[in-house]
Amino acid sequence: MKLTDIQKKARKMGINNTWKYKKRDLIKEIQRKEGNFDCFGTATVYCDQFTCLWRSDCLK
């Protein structure tokens, strides 16, 4: 997902000043806001969060 799309999603969730976040940090902020683990980018080989919106980007 492109950064601009992630910023739009974050703003809809009430996260302000999205321009000051790096992509990884903004996704983690969204994960926290959703009540999920803020684990984006931490999986090395395996991820058990099969319903996560960010899973495919995370495992790249």
PDB file of N, CA and C in Angstrom:
ATOM      1  N   MET A   1       0.842  -1.171   0.000  1.00  0.00           N
ATOM      2  CA  MET A   1       0.000   0.000   0.000  1.00  0.00           C
ATOM      3  C   MET A   1       0.895   1.244   0.000  1.00  0.00           C
ATOM      4  N   LYS A   2       0.509   2.229  -0.744  1.00  0.00           N
ATOM      5  CA  LYS A   2       1.298   3.461  -0.844  1.00  0.00           C
ATOM      6  C   LYS A   2       1.111   4.324   0.409  1.00  0.00           C
ATOM      7  N   LEU A   3       2.120   5.124   0.698  1.00  0.00           N
ATOM      8  CA  LEU A   3       2.103   5.971   1.882  1.00  0.00           C
ATOM      9  C   LEU A   3       0.897   6.907   1.884  1.00  0.00           C
ATOM     10  N   THR A   4       0.543   7.457   0.738  1.00  0.00           N
ATOM     11  CA  THR A   4      -0.611   8.373   0.695  1.00  0.00           C
ATOM     12  C   THR A   4      -1.903   7.666   1.085  1.00  0.00           C
ATOM     13  N   ASP A   5      -2.053   6.407   0.683  1.00  0.00           N
ATOM     14  CA  ASP A   5      -3.236   5.630   1.058  1.00  0.00           C
ATOM     15  C   ASP A   5      -3.245   5.338   2.558  1.00  0.00           C
ATOM     16  N   ILE A   6      -2.083   5.056   3.093  1.00  0.00           N
ATOM     17  CA  ILE A   6      -1.957   4.788   4.525  1.00  0.00           C
ATOM     18  C   ILE A   6      -2.275   6.053   5.324  1.00  0.00           C
ATOM     19  N   GLN A   7      -1.812   7.195   4.846  1.00  0.00           N
ATOM     20  CA  GLN A   7      -2.095   8.462   5.519  1.00  0.00           C
ATOM     21  C   GLN A   7      -3.592   8.762   5.520  1.00  0.00           C
ATOM     22  N   LYS A   8      -4.276   8.487   4.409  1.00  0.00           N
ATOM     23  CA  LYS A   8      -5.726   8.701   4.338  1.00  0.00           C
ATOM     24  C   LYS A   8      -6.451   7.825   5.351  1.00  0.00           C
ATOM     25  N   LYS A   9      -6.052   6.560   5.420  1.00  0.00           N
ATOM     26  CA  LYS A   9      -6.653   5.630   6.378  1.00  0.00           C
ATOM     27  C   LYS A   9      -6.427   6.120   7.804  1.00  0.00           C
ATOM     28  N   ALA A  10      -5.225   6.577   8.088  1.00  0.00           N
ATOM     29  CA  ALA A  10      -4.894   7.054   9.435  1.00  0.00           C
ATOM     30  C   ALA A  10      -5.732   8.278   9.804  1.00  0.00           C
ATOM     31  N   ARG A  11      -5.874   9.197   8.874  1.00  0.00           N
ATOM     32  CA  ARG A  11      -6.673  10.401   9.150  1.00  0.00           C
ATOM     33  C   ARG A  11      -8.128  10.054   9.426  1.00  0.00           C
ATOM     34  N   LYS A  12      -8.664   9.072   8.699  1.00  0.00           N
ATOM     35  CA  LYS A  12     -10.038   8.627   8.934  1.00  0.00           C
ATOM     36  C   LYS A  12     -10.203   8.039  10.328  1.00  0.00           C
ATOM     37  N   MET A  13      -9.103   7.512  10.867  1.00  0.00           N
ATOM     38  CA  MET A  13      -9.132   6.910  12.201  1.00  0.00           C
ATOM     39  C   MET A  13      -8.848   7.930  13.296  1.00  0.00           C
ATOM     40  N   GLY A  14      -8.606   9.174  12.899  1.00  0.00           N
ATOM     41  CA  GLY A  14      -8.366  10.216  13.886  1.00  0.00           C
ATOM     42  C   GLY A  14      -6.914  10.437  14.243  1.00  0.00           C
ATOM     43  N   ILE A  15      -6.009   9.885  13.463  1.00  0.00           N
ATOM     44  CA  ILE A  15      -4.580  10.086  13.695  1.00  0.00           C
ATOM     45  C   ILE A  15      -4.168  11.349  12.956  1.00  0.00           C
ATOM     46  N   ASN A  16      -3.663  12.317  13.683  1.00  0.00           N
ATOM     47  CA  ASN A  16      -3.302  13.614  13.117  1.00  0.00           C
ATOM     48  C   ASN A  16      -1.818  13.688  12.760  1.00  0.00           C
ATOM     49  N   ASN A  17      -1.465  14.690  11.987  1.00  0.00           N
ATOM     50  CA  ASN A  17      -0.069  14.952  11.588  1.00  0.00           C
ATOM     51  C   ASN A  17       0.581  13.727  10.950  1.00  0.00           C
ATOM     52  N   THR A  18      -0.141  13.091  10.040  1.00  0.00           N
ATOM     53  CA  THR A  18       0.354  11.870   9.413  1.00  0.00           C
ATOM     54  C   THR A  18       1.605  12.102   8.581  1.00  0.00           C
ATOM     55  N   TRP A  19       1.842  13.327   8.180  1.00  0.00           N
ATOM     56  CA  TRP A  19       3.007  13.657   7.354  1.00  0.00           C
ATOM     57  C   TRP A  19       4.318  13.456   8.112  1.00  0.00           C
ATOM     58  N   LYS A  20       4.293  13.468   9.437  1.00  0.00           N
ATOM     59  CA  LYS A  20       5.544  13.366  10.182  1.00  0.00           C
ATOM     60  C   LYS A  20       5.945  11.919  10.499  1.00  0.00           C
ATOM     61  N   TYR A  21       5.109  10.951  10.109  1.00  0.00           N
ATOM     62  CA  TYR A  21       5.403   9.543  10.351  1.00  0.00           C
ATOM     63  C   TYR A  21       6.100   8.912   9.152  1.00  0.00           C
ATOM     64  N   LYS A  22       7.008   7.998   9.424  1.00  0.00           N
ATOM     65  CA  LYS A  22       7.526   7.125   8.374  1.00  0.00           C
ATOM     66  C   LYS A  22       6.460   6.050   8.153  1.00  0.00           C
ATOM     67  N   LYS A  23       6.488   5.403   7.005  1.00  0.00           N
ATOM     68  CA  LYS A  23       5.469   4.416   6.651  1.00  0.00           C
ATOM     69  C   LYS A  23       5.328   3.359   7.746  1.00  0.00           C
ATOM     70  N   ARG A  24       6.427   2.800   8.172  1.00  0.00           N
ATOM     71  CA  ARG A  24       6.415   1.738   9.181  1.00  0.00           C
ATOM     72  C   ARG A  24       5.782   2.218  10.488  1.00  0.00           C
ATOM     73  N   ASP A  25       6.155   3.400  10.923  1.00  0.00           N
ATOM     74  CA  ASP A  25       5.643   3.929  12.186  1.00  0.00           C
ATOM     75  C   ASP A  25       4.157   4.274  12.102  1.00  0.00           C
ATOM     76  N   LEU A  26       3.725   4.753  10.960  1.00  0.00           N
ATOM     77  CA  LEU A  26       2.311   5.087  10.787  1.00  0.00           C
ATOM     78  C   LEU A  26       1.462   3.819  10.795  1.00  0.00           C
ATOM     79  N   ILE A  27       1.935   2.776  10.161  1.00  0.00           N
ATOM     80  CA  ILE A  27       1.209   1.501  10.175  1.00  0.00           C
ATOM     81  C   ILE A  27       1.122   0.971  11.598  1.00  0.00           C
ATOM     82  N   LYS A  28       2.204   1.075  12.356  1.00  0.00           N
ATOM     83  CA  LYS A  28       2.176   0.627  13.748  1.00  0.00           C
ATOM     84  C   LYS A  28       1.185   1.442  14.569  1.00  0.00           C
ATOM     85  N   GLU A  29       1.095   2.726  14.303  1.00  0.00           N
ATOM     86  CA  GLU A  29       0.132   3.581  15.003  1.00  0.00           C
ATOM     87  C   GLU A  29      -1.300   3.157  14.668  1.00  0.00           C
ATOM     88  N   ILE A  30      -1.548   2.839  13.412  1.00  0.00           N
ATOM     89  CA  ILE A  30      -2.863   2.357  12.995  1.00  0.00           C
ATOM     90  C   ILE A  30      -3.169   1.031  13.696  1.00  0.00           C
ATOM     91  N   GLN A  31      -2.196   0.142  13.748  1.00  0.00           N
ATOM     92  CA  GLN A  31      -2.398  -1.142  14.410  1.00  0.00           C
ATOM     93  C   GLN A  31      -2.792  -0.937  15.882  1.00  0.00           C
ATOM     94  N   ARG A  32      -2.115  -0.038  16.565  1.00  0.00           N
ATOM     95  CA  ARG A  32      -2.441   0.247  17.968  1.00  0.00           C
ATOM     96  C   ARG A  32      -3.853   0.811  18.099  1.00  0.00           C
ATOM     97  N   LYS A  33      -4.198   1.731  17.201  1.00  0.00           N
ATOM     98  CA  LYS A  33      -5.523   2.359  17.226  1.00  0.00           C
ATOM     99  C   LYS A  33      -6.620   1.320  17.000  1.00  0.00           C
ATOM    100  N   GLU A  34      -6.324   0.304  16.194  1.00  0.00           N
ATOM    101  CA  GLU A  34      -7.287  -0.764  15.929  1.00  0.00           C
ATOM    102  C   GLU A  34      -7.381  -1.769  17.077  1.00  0.00           C
ATOM    103  N   GLY A  35      -6.457  -1.663  18.038  1.00  0.00           N
ATOM    104  CA  GLY A  35      -6.440  -2.607  19.154  1.00  0.00           C
ATOM    105  C   GLY A  35      -5.660  -3.873  18.854  1.00  0.00           C
ATOM    106  N   ASN A  36      -4.815  -3.818  17.839  1.00  0.00           N
ATOM    107  CA  ASN A  36      -4.004  -4.973  17.445  1.00  0.00           C
ATOM    108  C   ASN A  36      -2.563  -4.817  17.924  1.00  0.00           C
ATOM    109  N   PHE A  37      -1.788  -5.866  17.749  1.00  0.00           N
ATOM    110  CA  PHE A  37      -0.362  -5.794  18.032  1.00  0.00           C
ATOM    111  C   PHE A  37       0.274  -4.800  17.068  1.00  0.00           C
ATOM    112  N   ASP A  38       1.199  -3.993  17.540  1.00  0.00           N
ATOM    113  CA  ASP A  38       1.914  -3.062  16.655  1.00  0.00           C
ATOM    114  C   ASP A  38       3.215  -3.730  16.220  1.00  0.00           C
ATOM    115  N   CYS A  39       3.043  -4.734  15.375  1.00  0.00           N
ATOM    116  CA  CYS A  39       4.167  -5.614  15.030  1.00  0.00           C
ATOM    117  C   CYS A  39       4.674  -5.449  13.598  1.00  0.00           C
ATOM    118  N   PHE A  40       4.194  -4.460  12.864  1.00  0.00           N
ATOM    119  CA  PHE A  40       4.570  -4.329  11.453  1.00  0.00           C
ATOM    120  C   PHE A  40       6.084  -4.300  11.281  1.00  0.00           C
ATOM    121  N   GLY A  41       6.576  -5.159  10.416  1.00  0.00           N
ATOM    122  CA  GLY A  41       7.999  -5.190  10.098  1.00  0.00           C
ATOM    123  C   GLY A  41       8.860  -5.984  11.062  1.00  0.00           C
ATOM    124  N   THR A  42       8.242  -6.659  12.020  1.00  0.00           N
ATOM    125  CA  THR A  42       9.045  -7.397  12.996  1.00  0.00           C
ATOM    126  C   THR A  42       9.139  -8.885  12.687  1.00  0.00           C
ATOM    127  N   ALA A  43       8.242  -9.419  11.871  1.00  0.00           N
ATOM    128  CA  ALA A  43       8.280 -10.840  11.520  1.00  0.00           C
ATOM    129  C   ALA A  43       9.445 -11.092  10.569  1.00  0.00           C
ATOM    130  N   THR A  44      10.150 -12.171  10.804  1.00  0.00           N
ATOM    131  CA  THR A  44      11.281 -12.487   9.940  1.00  0.00           C
ATOM    132  C   THR A  44      10.924 -13.532   8.890  1.00  0.00           C
ATOM    133  N   VAL A  45      10.271 -14.606   9.319  1.00  0.00           N
ATOM    134  CA  VAL A  45       9.925 -15.672   8.392  1.00  0.00           C
ATOM    135  C   VAL A  45       8.441 -16.013   8.459  1.00  0.00           C
ATOM    136  N   TYR A  46       7.878 -15.963   9.630  1.00  0.00           N
ATOM    137  CA  TYR A  46       6.505 -16.420   9.846  1.00  0.00           C
ATOM    138  C   TYR A  46       5.690 -15.358  10.573  1.00  0.00           C
ATOM    139  N   CYS A  47       4.419 -15.260  10.208  1.00  0.00           N
ATOM    140  CA  CYS A  47       3.485 -14.356  10.878  1.00  0.00           C
ATOM    141  C   CYS A  47       2.171 -15.094  11.072  1.00  0.00           C
ATOM    142  N   ASP A  48       1.666 -15.114  12.305  1.00  0.00           N
ATOM    143  CA  ASP A  48       0.415 -15.816  12.585  1.00  0.00           C
ATOM    144  C   ASP A  48      -0.803 -14.894  12.542  1.00  0.00           C
ATOM    145  N   GLN A  49      -0.619 -13.663  12.114  1.00  0.00           N
ATOM    146  CA  GLN A  49      -1.719 -12.694  12.017  1.00  0.00           C
ATOM    147  C   GLN A  49      -2.299 -12.725  10.600  1.00  0.00           C
ATOM    148  N   PHE A  50      -3.041 -13.786  10.301  1.00  0.00           N
ATOM    149  CA  PHE A  50      -3.515 -14.035   8.941  1.00  0.00           C
ATOM    150  C   PHE A  50      -4.548 -13.028   8.446  1.00  0.00           C
ATOM    151  N   THR A  51      -5.262 -12.363   9.322  1.00  0.00           N
ATOM    152  CA  THR A  51      -6.282 -11.404   8.911  1.00  0.00           C
ATOM    153  C   THR A  51      -5.778  -9.966   8.896  1.00  0.00           C
ATOM    154  N   CYS A  52      -4.517  -9.769   9.159  1.00  0.00           N
ATOM    155  CA  CYS A  52      -3.944  -8.428   9.212  1.00  0.00           C
ATOM    156  C   CYS A  52      -3.901  -7.791   7.815  1.00  0.00           C
ATOM    157  N   LEU A  53      -4.369  -6.567   7.734  1.00  0.00           N
ATOM    158  CA  LEU A  53      -4.368  -5.823   6.477  1.00  0.00           C
ATOM    159  C   LEU A  53      -2.955  -5.617   5.938  1.00  0.00           C
ATOM    160  N   TRP A  54      -1.982  -5.545   6.813  1.00  0.00           N
ATOM    161  CA  TRP A  54      -0.608  -5.201   6.447  1.00  0.00           C
ATOM    162  C   TRP A  54       0.287  -6.413   6.218  1.00  0.00           C
ATOM    163  N   ARG A  55      -0.246  -7.622   6.362  1.00  0.00           N
ATOM    164  CA  ARG A  55       0.565  -8.836   6.345  1.00  0.00           C
ATOM    165  C   ARG A  55       1.445  -8.968   5.096  1.00  0.00           C
ATOM    166  N   SER A  56       0.900  -8.748   3.935  1.00  0.00           N
ATOM    167  CA  SER A  56       1.699  -8.943   2.706  1.00  0.00           C
ATOM    168  C   SER A  56       2.831  -7.929   2.617  1.00  0.00           C
ATOM    169  N   ASP A  57       2.576  -6.671   2.993  1.00  0.00           N
ATOM    170  CA  ASP A  57       3.642  -5.652   3.003  1.00  0.00           C
ATOM    171  C   ASP A  57       4.671  -5.973   4.059  1.00  0.00           C
ATOM    172  N   CYS A  58       4.219  -6.457   5.182  1.00  0.00           N
ATOM    173  CA  CYS A  58       5.100  -6.717   6.318  1.00  0.00           C
ATOM    174  C   CYS A  58       6.116  -7.813   6.003  1.00  0.00           C
ATOM    175  N   LEU A  59       5.672  -8.847   5.330  1.00  0.00           N
ATOM    176  CA  LEU A  59       6.545  -9.994   5.068  1.00  0.00           C
ATOM    177  C   LEU A  59       7.439  -9.822   3.848  1.00  0.00           C
ATOM    178  N   LYS A  60       7.374  -8.678   3.199  1.00  0.00           N
ATOM    179  CA  LYS A  60       8.234  -8.443   2.021  1.00  0.00           C
ATOM    180  C   LYS A  60       9.676  -8.307   2.434  1.00  0.00           C
TER     181      LYS A  60
END
